[in-house]
Every structure is written in structure tokens, then in C-alpha cells.
Amino acid sequence: QVRLVESGGGLVQAGESLTLSCVASKIRIAINFMGWFYQAPGKEREMVAAINNDGSTYYIDSVKGRFTISRDNAENTVYLQMNSLKPDDTAVYYCGVVDRRYRPLGYWGQGTQVTVSS
């Protein structure tokens, strides 16, 4: 069974950085499309960034230039480097497997909380 385990969240001040990690098992991230999503209280889960199996990446406009998605195939781990964090980035962040159109395939981790104070 596919398992995704996120870590790295925390409480930071605006302008600071965090790096999230997602360790995958029972799935090879190297040949799959992987995404990071966030979900704020009362809002729907939304994609933040994705990385294709060829290494190309996608970001939503609000995080372009601040967030970087990457992966380590040997460690079967996907990362999200988040710089210049803003209070609006506060949410639970989830790692997920997506299809070529970045639609979630239903495999999720437990999420990791990111809180950015002003």
C-alpha cells in the first residue's frame, strides 16, 4: 500500500524559511508525478507545486519565486523548500501522487502544519 509521510512543518515568522519532506514507500517517485498541496481551515485542498517524472516543475502564481519542489530518487523523497514565508502560507501541507494533469490520485500523507506569524 502506498504510504506518504510528511515532515518539516512548524511555526515561523514571516520572511523565514522551512523545508518540507515527503518520504514515499510502495511507490517510486522517480516515475510518478508528485505534488505538494495545502489546505487552510475552512478551505479546499489546493495544489502548490508539482514535479513531473522528467523533473519539470509547476507552481501556482502565489508561490513562484519563493517555493521550490525537488526530489531525491535514491531516498524516494520529495521536498518543498519554502522561502520568504507569508502569513497567507499558513496551512496544513500534504504530499500527494497526481496524474499528468495534476489531479490527485487519492494517495495522501497525514500532512504537516505550517504556521507563519506576522
Protein backbone atom coordinates (compact mmCIF):
# COMPACT_ATOMS: atom_id res chain seq x y z
CA GLN A 1 0.00 0.00 0.00
CA VAL A 2 1.28 3.46 -0.94
CA ARG A 3 2.46 5.43 2.07
CA LEU A 4 3.50 9.07 2.18
CA VAL A 5 4.94 10.64 5.33
CA GLU A 6 5.38 14.40 5.51
CA SER A 7 7.56 16.28 7.99
CA GLY A 8 9.26 19.61 8.45
CA GLY A 9 6.39 21.89 9.33
CA GLY A 10 6.48 24.31 12.22
CA LEU A 11 5.88 27.81 13.50
CA VAL A 12 7.96 30.54 11.87
CA GLN A 13 7.85 34.29 11.46
CA ALA A 14 7.09 35.99 8.19
CA GLY A 15 10.13 36.08 5.93
CA GLU A 16 11.65 32.91 7.32
CA SER A 17 12.09 29.55 5.58
CA LEU A 18 11.07 25.94 6.02
CA THR A 19 11.78 22.75 4.11
CA LEU A 20 9.13 20.06 3.99
CA SER A 21 9.94 16.43 3.25
CA CYS A 22 7.74 13.63 1.97
CA VAL A 23 9.10 10.10 2.20
CA ALA A 24 7.28 7.67 -0.08
CA SER A 25 7.02 3.92 0.15
CA LYS A 26 5.41 1.33 -2.14
CA ILE A 27 5.68 3.85 -5.00
CA ARG A 28 8.64 5.10 -6.99
CA ILE A 29 8.56 8.87 -7.11
CA ALA A 30 11.05 8.88 -9.99
CA ILE A 31 8.43 7.56 -12.42
CA ASN A 32 5.42 9.35 -10.97
CA PHE A 33 4.09 12.87 -10.85
CA MET A 34 4.17 14.19 -7.30
CA GLY A 35 2.61 17.27 -5.80
CA TRP A 36 2.50 19.38 -2.68
CA PHE A 37 -0.87 20.69 -1.61
CA TYR A 38 -2.03 22.99 1.14
CA GLN A 39 -5.28 23.30 3.00
CA ALA A 40 -6.17 26.24 5.21
CA PRO A 41 -9.01 25.99 7.76
CA GLY A 42 -12.37 26.10 6.03
CA LYS A 43 -10.84 25.95 2.56
CA GLU A 44 -10.36 23.25 -0.03
CA ARG A 45 -7.08 21.47 -0.56
CA GLU A 46 -5.15 23.21 -3.32
CA MET A 47 -2.04 22.30 -5.25
CA VAL A 48 1.00 24.41 -4.50
CA ALA A 49 3.64 22.75 -6.66
CA ALA A 50 4.24 19.61 -8.67
CA ILE A 51 7.18 17.77 -10.14
CA ASN A 52 6.86 15.60 -13.21
CA ASN A 53 8.64 12.33 -13.84
CA ASP A 54 11.03 14.18 -16.18
CA GLY A 55 11.90 16.66 -13.43
CA SER A 56 9.97 19.61 -14.80
CA THR A 57 8.06 21.60 -12.22
CA TYR A 58 4.87 23.59 -11.83
CA TYR A 59 3.95 26.25 -9.27
CA ILE A 60 0.90 28.29 -8.53
CA ASP A 61 1.44 32.02 -9.04
CA SER A 62 1.39 32.92 -5.35
CA VAL A 63 4.48 30.82 -4.58
CA LYS A 64 6.54 31.30 -7.74
CA GLY A 65 9.99 32.53 -6.87
CA ARG A 66 9.56 31.59 -3.20
CA PHE A 67 8.93 27.82 -3.19
CA THR A 68 10.99 25.10 -4.84
CA ILE A 69 9.88 21.49 -5.29
CA SER A 70 12.55 18.84 -5.76
CA ARG A 71 13.08 15.15 -5.27
CA ASP A 72 15.77 12.68 -4.31
CA ASN A 73 15.11 9.50 -6.24
CA ALA A 74 17.58 7.46 -4.22
CA GLU A 75 15.82 8.43 -0.99
CA ASN A 76 12.38 8.26 -2.65
CA THR A 77 11.69 11.66 -1.09
CA VAL A 78 10.04 14.82 -2.37
CA TYR A 79 10.92 18.21 -0.86
CA LEU A 80 9.32 21.63 -0.75
CA GLN A 81 11.72 24.44 0.07
CA MET A 82 9.69 27.45 1.21
CA ASN A 83 11.38 30.84 1.44
CA SER A 84 10.06 34.29 2.29
CA LEU A 85 7.08 32.76 4.04
CA LYS A 86 3.95 34.85 4.47
CA PRO A 87 1.04 34.55 6.93
CA ASP A 88 -1.15 33.52 3.96
CA ASP A 89 1.02 30.42 3.57
CA THR A 90 -0.33 29.11 6.88
CA ALA A 91 -1.98 25.74 6.25
CA VAL A 92 -1.60 22.00 6.57
CA TYR A 93 0.67 20.82 3.77
CA TYR A 94 0.17 17.43 2.15
CA CYS A 95 2.20 15.40 -0.25
CA GLY A 96 0.23 13.57 -2.93
CA VAL A 97 0.52 11.49 -6.06
CA VAL A 98 -1.02 13.19 -9.10
CA ASP A 99 -1.68 12.32 -12.71
CA ARG A 100 -0.29 14.12 -15.77
CA ARG A 101 -2.93 16.79 -15.42
CA TYR A 102 -2.03 17.26 -11.75
CA ARG A 103 -5.22 15.70 -10.48
CA PRO A 104 -4.83 13.89 -7.15
CA LEU A 105 -4.95 10.11 -7.32
CA GLY A 106 -6.10 9.73 -3.74
CA TYR A 107 -2.80 8.89 -2.08
CA TRP A 108 -2.07 11.30 0.77
CA GLY A 109 0.13 11.62 3.77
CA GLN A 110 -1.03 12.78 7.18
CA GLY A 111 0.03 16.36 6.50
CA THR A 112 2.33 18.73 8.30
CA GLN A 113 1.25 22.05 9.82
CA VAL A 114 2.93 25.26 8.70
CA THR A 115 2.12 28.39 10.68
CA VAL A 116 3.56 31.75 9.71
CA SER A 117 3.18 34.60 12.16
CA SER A 118 3.27 38.24 11.14
